[in-house]
Amino acid sequence: MTGLRYVYAVCRPFGTPLQAELTGVGGAPAGLLHHHGLVAVVSTVPEADFGEQALKAHLEDLDWLAATARAHQGVIDALTTVTTPLPLRLATVFRDDSAVRTMIEAREDDFRALLDRLDGRVEWGVKVFVESEPAEPAEAAPAAPARPASGRDYLRRRRDRGLAREETWQRAEGFARSLHERLAERAEDVRLHPPQNSALSGATGQNVLNAAYLVSRAHSEEFVELVDRTKDEAPGIRVELTGPWAAYSFTGNTGNTEDTENSGNAGNAGVEVT
């Protein structure tokens, strides 16, 4: 192979072949590089795009970054169906196969310990949102909004709206806390991430819970059913489930993301040309 080596993940050897049509970043086919009983999943990328300086420039290009993140995630998702991968940070690139082998040797003990811990487990993401207040009916738009009869009436309405929002928020927090406790009982590990900023994520509503759960594949169906049963428990509160993902939130410093947000990971891009 000529060109740089883009490394998606490290895993143990697995018997199931990768999908024949599976392609990675830049449309290049993903391949396996075996070393010391581990496997690096790699593809070849051009130095013109992934050399250190070119890559730094590309990381400022959101369209390029999004396309690269999608391709990266596509390979990780395919791997997750057949094995337990340790995803590396987006845009982890090495000079050649020899440099990839050196990386494996340097981090071999950590890789093996993590693979032992995560074997047969996947990550599920659960988010709870307070739904946005419904918009005014279209037919009411032409009419002038009812005006407060007095200053006192204005203050009363304002206070009532504030109390209603506070009540809704407290109800949502109670629901999220209860749901998290139930889910944590069925998970082997948990990560609580900061609430999402709706302006950045594009998600509607206010994020109350943003959590990742490490669940064995054997118990995943039960976990999903539990989440599904809660979706209609609380009017005005939305529950979102994503996964199963590679265990991004539980792989420490293998260079992975802390948030599956799952799954764009563009914010975790980096430059590592060795």
C-alpha atoms as a PDB file:
ATOM      1  CA  MET A   1       0.000   0.000   0.000  1.00  0.00           C
ATOM      2  CA  THR A   2       1.207   3.506  -0.729  1.00  0.00           C
ATOM      3  CA  GLY A   3       0.088   6.516   1.260  1.00  0.00           C
ATOM      4  CA  LEU A   4      -0.480   7.109   4.956  1.00  0.00           C
ATOM      5  CA  ARG A   5      -2.293   4.677   7.240  1.00  0.00           C
ATOM      6  CA  TYR A   6      -5.545   5.859   8.780  1.00  0.00           C
ATOM      7  CA  VAL A   7      -6.347   3.757  11.861  1.00  0.00           C
ATOM      8  CA  TYR A   8     -10.007   3.421  12.896  1.00  0.00           C
ATOM      9  CA  ALA A   9      -9.789   1.018  15.778  1.00  0.00           C
ATOM     10  CA  VAL A  10      -7.885  -1.760  17.474  1.00  0.00           C
ATOM     11  CA  CYS A  11      -9.518  -5.073  18.285  1.00  0.00           C
ATOM     12  CA  ARG A  12      -8.785  -8.735  18.732  1.00  0.00           C
ATOM     13  CA  PRO A  13      -8.723 -11.022  15.685  1.00  0.00           C
ATOM     14  CA  PHE A  14     -12.239 -11.984  14.651  1.00  0.00           C
ATOM     15  CA  GLY A  15     -13.465 -14.743  12.421  1.00  0.00           C
ATOM     16  CA  THR A  16     -16.176 -12.887  10.541  1.00  0.00           C
ATOM     17  CA  PRO A  17     -14.845 -11.083   7.458  1.00  0.00           C
ATOM     18  CA  LEU A  18     -15.524  -7.396   7.011  1.00  0.00           C
ATOM     19  CA  GLN A  19     -18.216  -6.490   4.522  1.00  0.00           C
ATOM     20  CA  ALA A  20     -16.726  -6.699   1.043  1.00  0.00           C
ATOM     21  CA  GLU A  21     -18.138  -3.305   0.127  1.00  0.00           C
ATOM     22  CA  LEU A  22     -17.044  -1.592   3.352  1.00  0.00           C
ATOM     23  CA  THR A  23     -15.131   1.571   2.609  1.00  0.00           C
ATOM     24  CA  GLY A  24     -13.620   4.091   4.938  1.00  0.00           C
ATOM     25  CA  VAL A  25     -12.326   7.622   4.734  1.00  0.00           C
ATOM     26  CA  GLY A  26     -11.950   8.828   1.168  1.00  0.00           C
ATOM     27  CA  GLY A  27     -13.728   5.743  -0.164  1.00  0.00           C
ATOM     28  CA  ALA A  28     -10.707   3.495   0.447  1.00  0.00           C
ATOM     29  CA  PRO A  29     -11.427  -0.092   1.530  1.00  0.00           C
ATOM     30  CA  ALA A  30     -10.795  -0.923   5.162  1.00  0.00           C
ATOM     31  CA  GLY A  31      -8.203  -3.620   5.847  1.00  0.00           C
ATOM     32  CA  LEU A  32      -6.757  -5.484   8.797  1.00  0.00           C
ATOM     33  CA  LEU A  33      -3.209  -5.216  10.071  1.00  0.00           C
ATOM     34  CA  HIS A  34      -2.407  -8.056  12.487  1.00  0.00           C
ATOM     35  CA  HIS A  35       0.332  -7.600  15.069  1.00  0.00           C
ATOM     36  CA  HIS A  36       1.097  -9.200  18.439  1.00  0.00           C
ATOM     37  CA  GLY A  37      -2.299 -10.873  18.571  1.00  0.00           C
ATOM     38  CA  LEU A  38      -4.162  -7.599  17.988  1.00  0.00           C
ATOM     39  CA  VAL A  39      -5.676  -6.094  14.850  1.00  0.00           C
ATOM     40  CA  ALA A  40      -5.541  -2.499  13.670  1.00  0.00           C
ATOM     41  CA  VAL A  41      -8.323  -1.663  11.226  1.00  0.00           C
ATOM     42  CA  VAL A  42      -6.768   0.644   8.665  1.00  0.00           C
ATOM     43  CA  SER A  43      -7.136   2.196   5.261  1.00  0.00           C
ATOM     44  CA  THR A  44      -4.792   4.154   3.048  1.00  0.00           C
ATOM     45  CA  VAL A  45      -5.229   7.913   2.767  1.00  0.00           C
ATOM     46  CA  PRO A  46      -3.324  10.408   0.609  1.00  0.00           C
ATOM     47  CA  GLU A  47      -0.611  12.488   2.232  1.00  0.00           C
ATOM     48  CA  ALA A  48      -1.901  15.498   0.324  1.00  0.00           C
ATOM     49  CA  ASP A  49      -4.994  15.420   2.557  1.00  0.00           C
ATOM     50  CA  PHE A  50      -3.710  13.725   5.709  1.00  0.00           C
ATOM     51  CA  GLY A  51      -0.164  14.972   6.071  1.00  0.00           C
ATOM     52  CA  GLU A  52       0.207  16.965   9.283  1.00  0.00           C
ATOM     53  CA  GLN A  53      -0.186  20.438   7.808  1.00  0.00           C
ATOM     54  CA  ALA A  54      -2.920  19.463   5.347  1.00  0.00           C
ATOM     55  CA  LEU A  55      -4.842  17.701   8.082  1.00  0.00           C
ATOM     56  CA  LYS A  56      -4.685  20.692  10.402  1.00  0.00           C
ATOM     57  CA  ALA A  57      -6.130  22.830   7.630  1.00  0.00           C
ATOM     58  CA  HIS A  58      -8.873  20.284   6.886  1.00  0.00           C
ATOM     59  CA  LEU A  59      -9.917  20.168  10.522  1.00  0.00           C
ATOM     60  CA  GLU A  60     -11.108  23.753  10.124  1.00  0.00           C
ATOM     61  CA  ASP A  61     -13.363  22.707   7.228  1.00  0.00           C
ATOM     62  CA  LEU A  62     -16.648  21.574   8.775  1.00  0.00           C
ATOM     63  CA  ASP A  63     -17.925  19.909   5.592  1.00  0.00           C
ATOM     64  CA  TRP A  64     -14.719  17.903   5.212  1.00  0.00           C
ATOM     65  CA  LEU A  65     -14.755  17.063   8.883  1.00  0.00           C
ATOM     66  CA  ALA A  66     -18.370  15.876   8.787  1.00  0.00           C
ATOM     67  CA  ALA A  67     -17.735  13.642   5.755  1.00  0.00           C
ATOM     68  CA  THR A  68     -14.621  12.177   7.368  1.00  0.00           C
ATOM     69  CA  ALA A  69     -16.476  11.594  10.644  1.00  0.00           C
ATOM     70  CA  ARG A  70     -19.285   9.761   8.803  1.00  0.00           C
ATOM     71  CA  ALA A  71     -16.834   7.505   6.996  1.00  0.00           C
ATOM     72  CA  HIS A  72     -14.925   6.855  10.221  1.00  0.00           C
ATOM     73  CA  GLN A  73     -18.123   6.031  12.065  1.00  0.00           C
ATOM     74  CA  GLY A  74     -19.289   3.748   9.266  1.00  0.00           C
ATOM     75  CA  VAL A  75     -16.245   1.528   9.754  1.00  0.00           C
ATOM     76  CA  ILE A  76     -16.639   1.523  13.551  1.00  0.00           C
ATOM     77  CA  ASP A  77     -20.322   0.604  13.220  1.00  0.00           C
ATOM     78  CA  ALA A  78     -19.480  -2.272  10.871  1.00  0.00           C
ATOM     79  CA  LEU A  79     -16.837  -3.524  13.291  1.00  0.00           C
ATOM     80  CA  THR A  80     -19.248  -3.333  16.210  1.00  0.00           C
ATOM     81  CA  THR A  81     -21.532  -5.853  14.520  1.00  0.00           C
ATOM     82  CA  VAL A  82     -18.793  -8.493  14.454  1.00  0.00           C
ATOM     83  CA  THR A  83     -16.438  -7.725  17.353  1.00  0.00           C
ATOM     84  CA  THR A  84     -15.559  -5.328  20.185  1.00  0.00           C
ATOM     85  CA  PRO A  85     -13.516  -2.465  18.705  1.00  0.00           C
ATOM     86  CA  LEU A  86     -11.558   0.184  20.586  1.00  0.00           C
ATOM     87  CA  PRO A  87     -12.181   3.259  18.426  1.00  0.00           C
ATOM     88  CA  LEU A  88      -9.248   5.583  17.970  1.00  0.00           C
ATOM     89  CA  ARG A  89      -9.636   9.308  17.701  1.00  0.00           C
ATOM     90  CA  LEU A  90     -10.892  10.671  14.404  1.00  0.00           C
ATOM     91  CA  ALA A  91      -8.035  11.315  11.975  1.00  0.00           C
ATOM     92  CA  THR A  92      -5.450   9.150  13.686  1.00  0.00           C
ATOM     93  CA  VAL A  93      -2.872   8.703  10.949  1.00  0.00           C
ATOM     94  CA  PHE A  94       0.511   6.973  10.799  1.00  0.00           C
ATOM     95  CA  ARG A  95       3.293   7.100   8.255  1.00  0.00           C
ATOM     96  CA  ASP A  96       3.202   3.416   7.337  1.00  0.00           C
ATOM     97  CA  ASP A  97       2.432  -0.087   8.606  1.00  0.00           C
ATOM     98  CA  SER A  98       5.625  -0.137  10.642  1.00  0.00           C
ATOM     99  CA  ALA A  99       4.491   2.954  12.588  1.00  0.00           C
ATOM    100  CA  VAL A 100       1.119   1.323  13.255  1.00  0.00           C
ATOM    101  CA  ARG A 101       2.876  -1.758  14.628  1.00  0.00           C
ATOM    102  CA  THR A 102       5.010   0.459  16.846  1.00  0.00           C
ATOM    103  CA  MET A 103       1.848   2.129  18.183  1.00  0.00           C
ATOM    104  CA  ILE A 104       0.327  -1.278  18.961  1.00  0.00           C
ATOM    105  CA  GLU A 105       3.439  -2.404  20.811  1.00  0.00           C
ATOM    106  CA  ALA A 106       3.583   0.825  22.841  1.00  0.00           C
ATOM    107  CA  ARG A 107      -0.048   0.545  23.949  1.00  0.00           C
ATOM    108  CA  GLU A 108      -0.450  -3.190  23.883  1.00  0.00           C
ATOM    109  CA  ASP A 109      -1.056  -3.690  27.606  1.00  0.00           C
ATOM    110  CA  ASP A 110      -3.732  -0.974  27.716  1.00  0.00           C
ATOM    111  CA  PHE A 111      -5.440  -2.327  24.606  1.00  0.00           C
ATOM    112  CA  ARG A 112      -5.567  -5.837  26.010  1.00  0.00           C
ATOM    113  CA  ALA A 113      -6.897  -4.694  29.387  1.00  0.00           C
ATOM    114  CA  LEU A 114      -9.650  -2.642  27.753  1.00  0.00           C
ATOM    115  CA  LEU A 115     -10.590  -5.384  25.327  1.00  0.00           C
ATOM    116  CA  ASP A 116     -10.861  -7.845  28.210  1.00  0.00           C
ATOM    117  CA  ARG A 117     -13.125  -5.431  30.098  1.00  0.00           C
ATOM    118  CA  LEU A 118     -15.351  -4.507  27.144  1.00  0.00           C
ATOM    119  CA  ASP A 119     -15.608  -7.882  25.427  1.00  0.00           C
ATOM    120  CA  GLY A 120     -19.223  -8.666  24.594  1.00  0.00           C
ATOM    121  CA  ARG A 121     -20.466  -5.247  25.670  1.00  0.00           C
ATOM    122  CA  VAL A 122     -21.858  -2.262  23.811  1.00  0.00           C
ATOM    123  CA  GLU A 123     -22.738   1.302  24.658  1.00  0.00           C
ATOM    124  CA  TRP A 124     -26.264   2.708  24.651  1.00  0.00           C
ATOM    125  CA  GLY A 125     -26.940   6.422  24.809  1.00  0.00           C
ATOM    126  CA  VAL A 126     -30.022   7.803  26.569  1.00  0.00           C
ATOM    127  CA  LYS A 127     -31.100  11.432  26.517  1.00  0.00           C
ATOM    128  CA  VAL A 128     -34.078  13.035  28.227  1.00  0.00           C
ATOM    129  CA  PHE A 129     -35.470  16.339  26.982  1.00  0.00           C
ATOM    130  CA  VAL A 130     -38.147  18.702  28.215  1.00  0.00           C
ATOM    131  CA  GLU A 131     -40.196  19.366  25.115  1.00  0.00           C
ATOM    132  CA  SER A 132     -40.394  22.954  23.909  1.00  0.00           C
ATOM    133  CA  GLU A 133     -43.637  24.776  24.619  1.00  0.00           C
ATOM    134  CA  PRO A 134     -46.038  24.373  21.687  1.00  0.00           C
ATOM    135  CA  ALA A 135     -46.272  27.291  19.309  1.00  0.00           C
ATOM    136  CA  GLU A 136     -49.407  29.407  19.274  1.00  0.00           C
ATOM    137  CA  PRO A 137     -52.089  28.034  16.914  1.00  0.00           C
ATOM    138  CA  ALA A 138     -51.780  29.492  13.449  1.00  0.00           C
ATOM    139  CA  GLU A 139     -55.369  30.769  13.485  1.00  0.00           C
ATOM    140  CA  ALA A 140     -54.625  32.796  16.584  1.00  0.00           C
ATOM    141  CA  ALA A 141     -51.755  34.615  14.908  1.00  0.00           C
ATOM    142  CA  PRO A 142     -53.723  37.466  13.297  1.00  0.00           C
ATOM    143  CA  ALA A 143     -55.440  38.355  16.530  1.00  0.00           C
ATOM    144  CA  ALA A 144     -53.645  40.685  18.855  1.00  0.00           C
ATOM    145  CA  PRO A 145     -52.420  38.893  21.979  1.00  0.00           C
ATOM    146  CA  ALA A 146     -54.496  39.498  25.048  1.00  0.00           C
ATOM    147  CA  ARG A 147     -52.977  42.404  26.850  1.00  0.00           C
ATOM    148  CA  PRO A 148     -52.693  42.476  30.612  1.00  0.00           C
ATOM    149  CA  ALA A 149     -55.419  44.562  32.129  1.00  0.00           C
ATOM    150  CA  SER A 150     -52.966  46.200  34.488  1.00  0.00           C
ATOM    151  CA  GLY A 151     -49.404  46.108  35.681  1.00  0.00           C
ATOM    152  CA  ARG A 152     -50.451  43.764  38.449  1.00  0.00           C
ATOM    153  CA  ASP A 153     -52.055  41.441  35.894  1.00  0.00           C
ATOM    154  CA  TYR A 154     -48.819  41.460  33.851  1.00  0.00           C
ATOM    155  CA  LEU A 155     -46.725  40.543  36.876  1.00  0.00           C
ATOM    156  CA  ARG A 156     -49.169  37.789  37.832  1.00  0.00           C
ATOM    157  CA  ARG A 157     -49.001  36.247  34.363  1.00  0.00           C
ATOM    158  CA  ARG A 158     -45.223  36.455  34.373  1.00  0.00           C
ATOM    159  CA  ARG A 159     -45.041  34.791  37.781  1.00  0.00           C
ATOM    160  CA  ASP A 160     -47.422  32.030  36.668  1.00  0.00           C
ATOM    161  CA  ARG A 161     -45.330  31.293  33.590  1.00  0.00           C
ATOM    162  CA  GLY A 162     -42.199  31.124  35.722  1.00  0.00           C
ATOM    163  CA  LEU A 163     -43.846  28.753  38.194  1.00  0.00           C
ATOM    164  CA  ALA A 164     -45.088  26.543  35.372  1.00  0.00           C
ATOM    165  CA  ARG A 165     -41.590  26.323  33.860  1.00  0.00           C
ATOM    166  CA  GLU A 166     -40.068  25.517  37.232  1.00  0.00           C
ATOM    167  CA  GLU A 167     -42.670  22.826  37.876  1.00  0.00           C
ATOM    168  CA  THR A 168     -42.019  21.259  34.477  1.00  0.00           C
ATOM    169  CA  TRP A 169     -38.261  21.321  35.035  1.00  0.00           C
ATOM    170  CA  GLN A 170     -38.528  19.721  38.466  1.00  0.00           C
ATOM    171  CA  ARG A 171     -40.826  17.056  37.076  1.00  0.00           C
ATOM    172  CA  ALA A 172     -38.352  16.358  34.267  1.00  0.00           C
ATOM    173  CA  GLU A 173     -35.426  16.148  36.666  1.00  0.00           C
ATOM    174  CA  GLY A 174     -37.322  13.696  38.846  1.00  0.00           C
ATOM    175  CA  PHE A 175     -38.221  11.588  35.842  1.00  0.00           C
ATOM    176  CA  ALA A 176     -34.639  11.629  34.538  1.00  0.00           C
ATOM    177  CA  ARG A 177     -33.244  10.671  37.947  1.00  0.00           C
ATOM    178  CA  SER A 178     -35.665   7.775  38.273  1.00  0.00           C
ATOM    179  CA  LEU A 179     -34.988   6.562  34.737  1.00  0.00           C
ATOM    180  CA  HIS A 180     -31.232   6.769  35.217  1.00  0.00           C
ATOM    181  CA  GLU A 181     -31.412   4.727  38.424  1.00  0.00           C
ATOM    182  CA  ARG A 182     -33.436   2.032  36.703  1.00  0.00           C
ATOM    183  CA  LEU A 183     -31.095   1.900  33.724  1.00  0.00           C
ATOM    184  CA  ALA A 184     -27.950   1.968  35.850  1.00  0.00           C
ATOM    185  CA  GLU A 185     -29.163  -1.170  37.649  1.00  0.00           C
ATOM    186  CA  ARG A 186     -29.121  -2.974  34.317  1.00  0.00           C
ATOM    187  CA  ALA A 187     -25.792  -1.584  33.114  1.00  0.00           C
ATOM    188  CA  GLU A 188     -22.261  -2.611  34.006  1.00  0.00           C
ATOM    189  CA  ASP A 189     -20.970   0.947  33.935  1.00  0.00           C
ATOM    190  CA  VAL A 190     -22.332   4.439  33.386  1.00  0.00           C
ATOM    191  CA  ARG A 191     -21.055   7.792  32.163  1.00  0.00           C
ATOM    192  CA  LEU A 192     -22.980  11.005  32.752  1.00  0.00           C
ATOM    193  CA  HIS A 193     -22.146  13.582  30.102  1.00  0.00           C
ATOM    194  CA  PRO A 194     -22.909  17.315  30.305  1.00  0.00           C
ATOM    195  CA  PRO A 195     -26.352  18.241  28.956  1.00  0.00           C
ATOM    196  CA  GLN A 196     -26.381  19.020  25.270  1.00  0.00           C
ATOM    197  CA  ASN A 197     -26.565  22.589  24.099  1.00  0.00           C
ATOM    198  CA  SER A 198     -29.599  22.616  21.808  1.00  0.00           C
ATOM    199  CA  ALA A 199     -28.145  25.486  19.782  1.00  0.00           C
ATOM    200  CA  LEU A 200     -25.170  23.278  18.882  1.00  0.00           C
ATOM    201  CA  SER A 201     -26.853  19.872  18.678  1.00  0.00           C
ATOM    202  CA  GLY A 202     -29.946  21.010  16.801  1.00  0.00           C
ATOM    203  CA  ALA A 203     -32.113  18.884  19.091  1.00  0.00           C
ATOM    204  CA  THR A 204     -35.382  20.436  20.180  1.00  0.00           C
ATOM    205  CA  GLY A 205     -36.192  20.846  23.839  1.00  0.00           C
ATOM    206  CA  GLN A 206     -33.975  21.221  26.872  1.00  0.00           C
ATOM    207  CA  ASN A 207     -31.642  18.363  27.671  1.00  0.00           C
ATOM    208  CA  VAL A 208     -32.035  17.040  31.209  1.00  0.00           C
ATOM    209  CA  LEU A 209     -30.144  13.737  31.035  1.00  0.00           C
ATOM    210  CA  ASN A 210     -27.295  12.796  28.711  1.00  0.00           C
ATOM    211  CA  ALA A 211     -25.905   9.425  29.728  1.00  0.00           C
ATOM    212  CA  ALA A 212     -24.066   6.431  28.306  1.00  0.00           C
ATOM    213  CA  TYR A 213     -24.574   2.890  29.596  1.00  0.00           C
ATOM    214  CA  LEU A 214     -22.283  -0.081  29.117  1.00  0.00           C
ATOM    215  CA  VAL A 215     -24.495  -3.117  28.632  1.00  0.00           C
ATOM    216  CA  SER A 216     -23.703  -6.690  27.696  1.00  0.00           C
ATOM    217  CA  ARG A 217     -24.993  -7.757  24.318  1.00  0.00           C
ATOM    218  CA  ALA A 218     -26.906 -10.538  26.066  1.00  0.00           C
ATOM    219  CA  HIS A 219     -28.900  -7.992  28.107  1.00  0.00           C
ATOM    220  CA  SER A 220     -29.258  -5.289  25.478  1.00  0.00           C
ATOM    221  CA  GLU A 221     -32.733  -6.317  24.368  1.00  0.00           C
ATOM    222  CA  GLU A 222     -33.996  -6.062  27.946  1.00  0.00           C
ATOM    223  CA  PHE A 223     -32.319  -2.656  28.309  1.00  0.00           C
ATOM    224  CA  VAL A 224     -33.927  -1.343  25.117  1.00  0.00           C
ATOM    225  CA  GLU A 225     -37.355  -2.618  26.136  1.00  0.00           C
ATOM    226  CA  LEU A 226     -37.064  -0.811  29.470  1.00  0.00           C
ATOM    227  CA  VAL A 227     -36.251   2.479  27.748  1.00  0.00           C
ATOM    228  CA  ASP A 228     -39.089   2.013  25.274  1.00  0.00           C
ATOM    229  CA  ARG A 229     -41.578   1.448  28.090  1.00  0.00           C
ATOM    230  CA  THR A 230     -40.672   4.769  29.688  1.00  0.00           C
ATOM    231  CA  LYS A 231     -41.229   6.872  26.579  1.00  0.00           C
ATOM    232  CA  ASP A 232     -44.905   7.489  27.328  1.00  0.00           C
ATOM    233  CA  GLU A 233     -44.612   7.775  31.095  1.00  0.00           C
ATOM    234  CA  ALA A 234     -44.291  11.550  31.309  1.00  0.00           C
ATOM    235  CA  PRO A 235     -46.160  13.949  28.994  1.00  0.00           C
ATOM    236  CA  GLY A 236     -43.979  16.763  27.707  1.00  0.00           C
ATOM    237  CA  ILE A 237     -40.783  14.802  28.292  1.00  0.00           C
ATOM    238  CA  ARG A 238     -38.981  13.082  25.427  1.00  0.00           C
ATOM    239  CA  VAL A 239     -36.669  10.076  25.805  1.00  0.00           C
ATOM    240  CA  GLU A 240     -34.158   9.288  23.064  1.00  0.00           C
ATOM    241  CA  LEU A 241     -32.213   6.030  22.811  1.00  0.00           C
ATOM    242  CA  THR A 242     -29.230   5.557  20.499  1.00  0.00           C
ATOM    243  CA  GLY A 243     -26.986   2.572  19.913  1.00  0.00           C
ATOM    244  CA  PRO A 244     -25.664   0.050  20.095  1.00  0.00           C
ATOM    245  CA  TRP A 245     -22.333   1.831  19.744  1.00  0.00           C
ATOM    246  CA  ALA A 246     -18.768   0.792  20.241  1.00  0.00           C
ATOM    247  CA  ALA A 247     -18.008   1.605  23.874  1.00  0.00           C
ATOM    248  CA  TYR A 248     -16.662   5.083  23.170  1.00  0.00           C
ATOM    249  CA  SER A 249     -17.392   6.440  26.618  1.00  0.00           C
ATOM    250  CA  PHE A 250     -15.660   3.602  28.426  1.00  0.00           C
ATOM    251  CA  THR A 251     -12.328   3.279  26.656  1.00  0.00           C
ATOM    252  CA  GLY A 252     -10.315   5.769  28.678  1.00  0.00           C
ATOM    253  CA  ASN A 253      -7.534   7.423  26.726  1.00  0.00           C
ATOM    254  CA  THR A 254      -7.354   5.286  23.646  1.00  0.00           C
ATOM    255  CA  GLY A 255      -7.977   8.535  21.798  1.00  0.00           C
ATOM    256  CA  ASN A 256     -11.701   8.059  21.578  1.00  0.00           C
ATOM    257  CA  THR A 257     -14.488  10.514  22.162  1.00  0.00           C
ATOM    258  CA  GLU A 258     -16.123  11.117  25.520  1.00  0.00           C
ATOM    259  CA  ASP A 259     -19.555  11.573  23.947  1.00  0.00           C
ATOM    260  CA  THR A 260     -21.235   9.263  21.400  1.00  0.00           C
ATOM    261  CA  GLU A 261     -23.473  11.958  20.403  1.00  0.00           C
ATOM    262  CA  ASN A 262     -22.965   9.691  19.459  1.00  0.00           C
ATOM    263  CA  SER A 263     -21.508   9.372  16.673  1.00  0.00           C
ATOM    264  CA  GLY A 264     -20.336  12.229  14.725  1.00  0.00           C
ATOM    265  CA  ASN A 265     -17.227  12.574  16.777  1.00  0.00           C
ATOM    266  CA  ALA A 266     -16.092  15.459  14.639  1.00  0.00           C
ATOM    267  CA  GLY A 267     -15.308  17.433  17.721  1.00  0.00           C
ATOM    268  CA  ASN A 268     -12.714  14.879  18.672  1.00  0.00           C
ATOM    269  CA  ALA A 269     -10.631  15.022  15.599  1.00  0.00           C
ATOM    270  CA  GLY A 270      -6.914  15.165  16.051  1.00  0.00           C
ATOM    271  CA  VAL A 271      -3.642  15.003  14.280  1.00  0.00           C
ATOM    272  CA  GLU A 272      -1.319  12.109  14.901  1.00  0.00           C
ATOM    273  CA  VAL A 273       1.027  11.514  12.023  1.00  0.00           C
ATOM    274  CA  THR A 274       3.868   9.326  13.183  1.00  0.00           C
END
